[in-house]
Structures are given as C-alpha cells and as structure tokens.
Amino acid sequence: MKINTVAIVGMGALGLLYGEQLNRVLPAGAVRFVMDEGRLARHQNDKYEVNGVEQSFTLQSSATAKPVDLVIVATKFSGLQEALKEMQGLVGPETIIFSVLNGISSEEFIKERYGDNNLLYCVALGMDAVREGTSLTYQHKGVLKLGILEKKQRPALAAVMALLEKAGIQYIIEEDIQHALWAKLLLNVGINQTCMVYATNYGGAFTNEHAREDMFAAMHEGIAVAQKEGINLTEDDFEGCVKVLKGLAPEGLPSMRQDALAKRRSEVELFAGTIIRLGAKHNVAVPVNQRYYDIIKAMEAKY
C-alpha cells in the first residue's frame, strides 16, 4: 500500500496542522479538506495562514468526493457523526483511516461504519497548535502514537509510517495502543475538565487545593473504570500524567478552558461522559466526574 492522496475531515487546529505538513510533500491537490456543501460555500474563498505563511489548501465538497488512500478524521467529537457521513464517498476498500480525536470512542464509531481492515488507532500528543479565524500558529508539532489491534492492519500501518517519515511528522509505534489511548484520556479527564470547572489555567489546577484534589480524584476514577475494562492503568500512569502536567507552562490553557472562554461546546462527553457510562456499566462510583459533567453541561446551557 502507498499513500498518494489524503482527505482531512475537519479544519480545526489539528486538521490544519497535518494538512500543512502533508501539503509540503505531496503534489498539489493531493491533500484535500472535505466538507458538506454548505460549509464549502462559506469557506471556499477563505485565505489560510500557518505560522504567517499563506497556504494553498484544496477544499472539496463531500458530494463530489472519490475514494482516497488515507482519511484523517480531525473534527470535534460533537461533529464526528456528521463527519462519518461526509466521509462516505472518500472510503474505498483500500482506504486507510485514523482519527486524531481525543478519547477512546472515535475508533469504535469508525469501525461500526467502515469496518477495521485498514483502521489505525492513534493518540496525538504534545502539539501546541492554536487556530484563530483562518490563521494557525504552532511551535511544537507534537507526536502521533500509532498502533493496531489486528494483524490485517499491518500494511496500513506501514503505509502511514512511510508517509509520516516523508513529511517529517514524528511518530511512535505503540505495541499496546489501547493503553496509550486510555493514558491520554486519563490526562484529559483530569486537567481539561478541572480547568474548565474552576475557570483556571494549568498552574491554577495545582495551586488551588480544591481544584487539585478534584483533578486527582477524577483521574483515579478513570483508573478504576479502566481496570474494569481490562486496561492496565496504574498509579504509575497517574504519576506520569502529573509529571507531564507539571511540565506545562503554568499560564497555558487546555482546550476545554478555551472552549468555555469562546462559549463553544466542549468535549465533556468524551471525558466525564465516557467515565460515567463505563462506571455505570461496571458499578463503579464516579462522583467527581458526575459533578464535573453536571457543572459543564449547566455552563454550556447558558451559551
């Protein structure tokens, strides 16, 4: 398998980040942002910049889409179901798909609709890309953790590895990709939700005693649920997350706090919503995540 054509569904920070990187190494028009007719009409004349450099992105209607070699799903979780419909014309028998969404759910939804023959599992970490209007800025491209669950997915993984190396996008192959997905979820369940609920930044989540206690409790609820799901998250994973969080710029804001400031819908369903659903499945009490969920939903209802 070789990747010559790429479709990206979603023009948020990650979509634009990877679109720019891949646009550099593939022929003109080989990388396309695919969307519905209405969105295309609104944005087809937009001028996009990445780190101050104007980009020549190709935008395409999903109604005219043909199968491509690779589809990257880069929407918000709230737009995932719509994105899966928009992707229909892009997906052929050999099309590779991976998602850069947070959480552990997007791959299951993709599998239900398109199967898993060429489905890869992915965790996007360490990027600091911020989109404002049609402008994207970043200093750190981060890293993609990739993995598979079935031997039949190995050719797809090899093809994506070759493309990422060509584009200079850093990646790590994870033997236990489910553990990596859950570890990222654990991080977000803690810091993202705490910063939104307490209206604070990375530093404030630690200096505010109540915020810190709630953050740690929410993460430990995530560990308890993960273990019931057969995922070996441990106290070592918790300590690793805390170390990462303490290394972040104290004044920085995670995505959910940015969502709150912009009065956008957050990814609470991916985080607390997932922990609550699986807590109920396994009869595990998750009171902090339930409280976070209720508070955030009430915040969003006022937008």
Protein backbone atom coordinates (compact mmCIF):
# COMPACT_ATOMS: atom_id res chain seq x y z
CA MET A 1 0.00 0.00 0.00
CA LYS A 2 1.17 3.52 -0.80
CA ILE A 3 -0.47 6.81 0.13
CA ASN A 4 -0.73 9.31 -2.72
CA THR A 5 -4.00 11.05 -1.83
CA VAL A 6 -5.20 12.27 1.58
CA ALA A 7 -8.54 13.67 2.73
CA ILE A 8 -8.82 15.51 6.04
CA VAL A 9 -12.24 15.89 7.63
CA GLY A 10 -12.11 18.85 9.99
CA MET A 11 -10.29 22.19 9.69
CA GLY A 12 -9.57 22.82 13.34
CA ALA A 13 -6.07 23.19 14.76
CA LEU A 14 -5.02 19.59 14.18
CA GLY A 15 -6.59 19.36 10.74
CA LEU A 16 -4.73 22.45 9.59
CA LEU A 17 -1.51 21.33 11.29
CA TYR A 18 -1.39 18.00 9.48
CA GLY A 19 -2.77 19.49 6.28
CA GLU A 20 0.14 21.92 6.13
CA GLN A 21 2.72 19.22 6.85
CA LEU A 22 1.38 16.82 4.23
CA ASN A 23 0.81 19.58 1.66
CA ARG A 24 4.55 20.17 1.66
CA VAL A 25 5.45 16.69 0.43
CA LEU A 26 2.52 15.59 -1.76
CA PRO A 27 1.60 17.01 -5.19
CA ALA A 28 -0.77 19.97 -5.47
CA GLY A 29 -4.34 18.86 -4.82
CA ALA A 30 -3.34 15.52 -3.32
CA VAL A 31 -4.34 16.74 0.16
CA ARG A 32 -7.96 17.87 0.42
CA PHE A 33 -10.17 19.17 3.18
CA VAL A 34 -13.59 17.60 2.61
CA MET A 35 -16.82 19.10 3.96
CA ASP A 36 -20.51 19.44 3.17
CA GLU A 37 -21.80 21.84 0.51
CA GLY A 38 -22.91 24.50 2.98
CA ARG A 39 -19.58 24.65 4.76
CA LEU A 40 -17.72 24.67 1.45
CA ALA A 41 -19.79 27.62 0.24
CA ARG A 42 -18.91 29.55 3.39
CA HIS A 43 -15.19 28.81 3.34
CA GLN A 44 -14.05 28.15 -0.23
CA ASN A 45 -12.73 31.69 -0.62
CA ASP A 46 -11.04 31.88 2.78
CA LYS A 47 -7.30 32.55 2.87
CA TYR A 48 -5.47 30.32 5.36
CA GLU A 49 -2.14 31.01 7.02
CA VAL A 50 0.09 28.72 9.06
CA ASN A 51 2.78 30.45 11.10
CA GLY A 52 2.30 33.52 8.93
CA VAL A 53 2.71 31.69 5.62
CA GLU A 54 -0.26 31.65 3.25
CA GLN A 55 -1.41 28.15 2.34
CA SER A 56 -2.89 26.78 -0.88
CA PHE A 57 -5.29 24.28 0.64
CA THR A 58 -7.73 22.38 -1.57
CA LEU A 59 -11.30 22.32 -0.27
CA GLN A 60 -13.81 19.85 -1.69
CA SER A 61 -17.48 19.04 -1.28
CA SER A 62 -18.24 15.61 0.16
CA ALA A 63 -20.88 15.29 -2.59
CA THR A 64 -18.14 15.06 -5.24
CA ALA A 65 -15.64 13.05 -3.20
CA LYS A 66 -13.95 9.97 -4.62
CA PRO A 67 -12.05 7.30 -2.65
CA VAL A 68 -8.62 8.34 -1.39
CA ASP A 69 -5.71 6.43 0.07
CA LEU A 70 -5.94 7.97 3.56
CA VAL A 71 -8.67 9.75 5.54
CA ILE A 72 -7.66 11.67 8.67
CA VAL A 73 -10.59 12.41 10.98
CA ALA A 74 -9.85 15.70 12.78
CA THR A 75 -13.25 17.04 13.84
CA LYS A 76 -14.54 17.80 17.30
CA PHE A 77 -16.32 14.83 18.88
CA SER A 78 -19.62 16.70 18.57
CA GLY A 79 -19.15 16.68 14.80
CA LEU A 80 -18.00 13.07 14.47
CA GLN A 81 -21.28 11.53 13.31
CA GLU A 82 -21.68 14.19 10.65
CA ALA A 83 -18.06 13.65 9.61
CA LEU A 84 -18.61 9.92 9.22
CA LYS A 85 -21.48 10.63 6.81
CA GLU A 86 -19.37 13.13 4.86
CA MET A 87 -16.61 10.54 4.52
CA GLN A 88 -18.73 8.00 2.67
CA GLY A 89 -17.53 8.92 -0.82
CA LEU A 90 -13.90 9.00 0.36
CA VAL A 91 -13.74 5.45 1.65
CA GLY A 92 -12.97 2.59 -0.71
CA PRO A 93 -11.86 -1.00 0.03
CA GLU A 94 -8.20 0.04 0.46
CA THR A 95 -8.72 3.39 2.19
CA ILE A 96 -6.77 3.79 5.44
CA ILE A 97 -8.46 5.72 8.25
CA PHE A 98 -7.18 7.14 11.50
CA SER A 99 -8.60 9.67 13.95
CA VAL A 100 -6.76 12.33 15.95
CA LEU A 101 -9.75 12.93 18.23
CA ASN A 102 -9.34 12.75 21.99
CA GLY A 103 -10.90 9.93 23.98
CA ILE A 104 -11.37 6.24 23.25
CA SER A 105 -14.64 6.33 21.27
CA SER A 106 -13.97 7.62 17.77
CA GLU A 107 -12.30 4.43 16.53
CA GLU A 108 -15.31 2.37 17.61
CA PHE A 109 -17.68 4.62 15.67
CA ILE A 110 -15.41 4.44 12.60
CA LYS A 111 -15.24 0.65 12.88
CA GLU A 112 -19.03 0.35 13.11
CA ARG A 113 -19.50 2.30 9.88
CA TYR A 114 -16.48 1.36 7.76
CA GLY A 115 -15.00 -1.77 9.30
CA ASP A 116 -11.48 -2.10 10.66
CA ASN A 117 -9.47 -3.69 7.84
CA ASN A 118 -7.44 -0.51 7.40
CA LEU A 119 -8.25 1.26 10.65
CA LEU A 120 -5.36 2.55 12.75
CA TYR A 121 -5.51 3.65 16.38
CA CYS A 122 -3.92 6.99 17.17
CA VAL A 123 -3.08 9.34 20.04
CA ALA A 124 -1.98 12.91 19.22
CA LEU A 125 0.28 14.41 21.88
CA GLY A 126 2.45 17.44 22.55
CA MET A 127 1.33 19.83 19.83
CA ASP A 128 0.65 23.45 20.74
CA ALA A 129 -1.27 24.47 17.61
CA VAL A 130 -3.83 27.26 18.07
CA ARG A 131 -6.30 28.34 15.42
CA GLU A 132 -7.70 31.87 15.39
CA GLY A 133 -10.01 32.50 12.46
CA THR A 134 -8.20 31.24 9.37
CA SER A 135 -4.76 31.52 10.98
CA LEU A 136 -2.89 28.66 12.67
CA THR A 137 0.20 29.11 14.82
CA TYR A 138 2.37 26.45 16.41
CA GLN A 139 5.87 25.89 17.72
CA HIS A 140 5.67 22.18 18.50
CA LYS A 141 4.25 19.66 16.04
CA GLY A 142 3.99 17.04 18.75
CA VAL A 143 3.98 13.31 18.13
CA LEU A 144 1.50 10.72 16.92
CA LYS A 145 1.33 7.43 18.79
CA LEU A 146 0.06 4.77 16.40
CA GLY A 147 -0.90 1.15 16.81
CA ILE A 148 -3.06 -1.70 15.56
CA LEU A 149 -5.23 -4.37 17.13
CA GLU A 150 -5.25 -6.87 14.23
CA LYS A 151 -2.51 -8.30 12.02
CA LYS A 152 -4.57 -7.41 8.94
CA GLN A 153 -3.92 -3.72 9.73
CA ARG A 154 -0.12 -4.02 9.38
CA PRO A 155 0.06 -2.93 5.70
CA ALA A 156 -1.95 0.19 6.51
CA LEU A 157 0.35 0.99 9.42
CA ALA A 158 3.44 0.57 7.22
CA ALA A 159 1.99 2.91 4.58
CA VAL A 160 1.20 5.62 7.16
CA MET A 161 4.67 5.28 8.69
CA ALA A 162 6.23 5.88 5.26
CA LEU A 163 4.06 8.98 4.71
CA LEU A 164 4.82 10.44 8.13
CA GLU A 165 8.54 9.92 7.63
CA LYS A 166 8.34 11.65 4.25
CA ALA A 167 6.52 14.61 5.86
CA GLY A 168 8.82 14.78 8.89
CA ILE A 169 5.95 14.14 11.30
CA GLN A 170 7.22 12.44 14.44
CA TYR A 171 5.52 9.20 15.43
CA ILE A 172 5.86 6.33 17.89
CA ILE A 173 4.54 2.82 17.32
CA GLU A 174 2.76 1.58 20.44
CA GLU A 175 2.54 -2.15 21.00
CA ASP A 176 -0.30 -1.56 23.46
CA ILE A 177 -2.17 1.27 21.76
CA GLN A 178 -5.27 0.83 23.92
CA HIS A 179 -3.20 1.61 27.00
CA ALA A 180 -1.87 4.74 25.25
CA LEU A 181 -5.41 5.85 24.36
CA TRP A 182 -6.53 5.41 27.95
CA ALA A 183 -3.49 7.20 29.34
CA LYS A 184 -4.32 10.24 27.17
CA LEU A 185 -7.94 10.02 28.34
CA LEU A 186 -6.74 9.97 31.95
CA LEU A 187 -4.77 13.17 31.36
CA ASN A 188 -7.76 14.94 29.82
CA VAL A 189 -10.26 13.73 32.41
CA GLY A 190 -8.07 15.47 34.96
CA ILE A 191 -6.66 18.68 33.55
CA ASN A 192 -9.14 19.63 30.82
CA GLN A 193 -12.22 19.31 32.96
CA THR A 194 -10.67 20.83 36.08
CA CYS A 195 -9.50 23.94 34.26
CA MET A 196 -12.96 24.43 32.76
CA VAL A 197 -14.87 23.90 36.01
CA TYR A 198 -12.52 26.04 38.09
CA ALA A 199 -12.01 28.65 35.34
CA THR A 200 -8.25 28.38 35.64
CA ASN A 201 -5.05 27.56 33.79
CA TYR A 202 -2.54 24.71 34.12
CA GLY A 203 -0.84 26.36 37.08
CA GLY A 204 -4.10 27.12 38.87
CA ALA A 205 -5.17 23.48 38.70
CA PHE A 206 -2.28 22.72 41.08
CA THR A 207 -2.13 25.83 43.26
CA ASN A 208 -5.86 25.74 44.03
CA GLU A 209 -6.12 22.99 46.65
CA HIS A 210 -9.74 22.09 45.85
CA ALA A 211 -9.06 22.01 42.12
CA ARG A 212 -6.02 19.78 42.63
CA GLU A 213 -7.93 17.36 44.86
CA ASP A 214 -10.80 17.12 42.39
CA MET A 215 -8.44 16.67 39.46
CA PHE A 216 -6.62 13.82 41.14
CA ALA A 217 -9.89 12.20 42.24
CA ALA A 218 -11.35 12.39 38.72
CA MET A 219 -8.23 10.72 37.36
CA HIS A 220 -8.36 7.94 39.92
CA GLU A 221 -11.99 7.29 38.98
CA GLY A 222 -10.72 6.91 35.41
CA ILE A 223 -8.13 4.37 36.54
CA ALA A 224 -10.77 2.34 38.40
CA VAL A 225 -13.03 2.22 35.34
CA ALA A 226 -10.13 1.39 33.00
CA GLN A 227 -9.13 -1.59 35.13
CA LYS A 228 -12.69 -2.92 34.94
CA GLU A 229 -12.41 -2.61 31.14
CA GLY A 230 -9.27 -4.73 31.20
CA ILE A 231 -6.88 -1.82 30.64
CA ASN A 232 -3.90 -1.92 32.99
CA LEU A 233 -3.79 1.72 34.05
CA THR A 234 -1.95 2.04 37.36
CA GLU A 235 -0.63 4.57 39.84
CA ASP A 236 2.48 4.78 37.66
CA ASP A 237 0.32 6.10 34.84
CA PHE A 238 -1.22 8.64 37.19
CA GLU A 239 2.21 9.81 38.33
CA GLY A 240 3.34 10.02 34.72
CA CYS A 241 0.37 12.25 33.85
CA VAL A 242 1.05 14.51 36.82
CA LYS A 243 4.68 14.85 35.76
CA VAL A 244 3.61 15.87 32.25
CA LEU A 245 1.10 18.39 33.60
CA LYS A 246 3.62 19.99 35.96
CA GLY A 247 5.91 20.50 33.00
CA LEU A 248 3.38 22.61 31.09
CA ALA A 249 3.55 26.41 31.04
CA PRO A 250 1.51 27.47 34.12
CA GLU A 251 -0.30 30.20 32.19
CA GLY A 252 -1.38 27.81 29.42
CA LEU A 253 -4.99 26.81 28.85
CA PRO A 254 -6.24 23.36 27.83
CA SER A 255 -8.81 23.06 25.06
CA MET A 256 -11.87 22.85 27.31
CA ARG A 257 -10.97 26.10 29.08
CA GLN A 258 -10.52 27.69 25.67
CA ASP A 259 -13.94 26.32 24.69
CA ALA A 260 -15.51 27.88 27.77
CA LEU A 261 -13.98 31.28 27.07
CA ALA A 262 -15.21 31.13 23.47
CA LYS A 263 -18.61 29.75 24.55
CA ARG A 264 -18.17 26.63 22.42
CA ARG A 265 -19.43 23.14 23.21
CA SER A 266 -16.69 21.16 24.95
CA GLU A 267 -15.60 17.54 24.79
CA VAL A 268 -17.14 16.66 28.16
CA GLU A 269 -18.98 13.71 26.58
CA LEU A 270 -15.61 12.24 25.59
CA PHE A 271 -14.19 12.68 29.07
CA ALA A 272 -16.61 12.63 32.02
CA GLY A 273 -19.30 11.18 29.74
CA THR A 274 -17.14 8.14 28.98
CA ILE A 275 -16.17 7.61 32.64
CA ILE A 276 -19.80 7.91 33.78
CA ARG A 277 -21.06 5.48 31.13
CA LEU A 278 -18.41 2.87 31.92
CA GLY A 279 -18.77 3.46 35.67
CA ALA A 280 -22.44 2.56 35.38
CA LYS A 281 -21.57 -0.49 33.28
CA HIS A 282 -19.20 -1.81 35.96
CA ASN A 283 -20.98 -0.44 39.05
CA VAL A 284 -18.04 1.86 39.85
CA ALA A 285 -18.84 5.12 41.65
CA VAL A 286 -17.52 8.19 39.79
CA PRO A 287 -18.86 11.16 41.80
CA VAL A 288 -16.29 13.75 40.73
CA ASN A 289 -16.73 13.05 37.04
CA GLN A 290 -20.50 13.15 37.52
CA ARG A 291 -20.24 16.53 39.24
CA TYR A 292 -17.89 17.84 36.55
CA TYR A 293 -20.32 16.64 33.88
CA ASP A 294 -23.30 18.34 35.52
CA ILE A 295 -21.42 21.63 36.05
CA ILE A 296 -20.08 21.75 32.50
CA LYS A 297 -23.46 20.92 30.97
CA ALA A 298 -25.02 23.72 33.02
CA MET A 299 -22.30 26.11 31.83
CA GLU A 300 -22.90 25.18 28.20
CA ALA A 301 -26.67 25.53 28.54
CA LYS A 302 -26.14 29.26 29.20
CA TYR A 303 -24.24 29.92 25.98
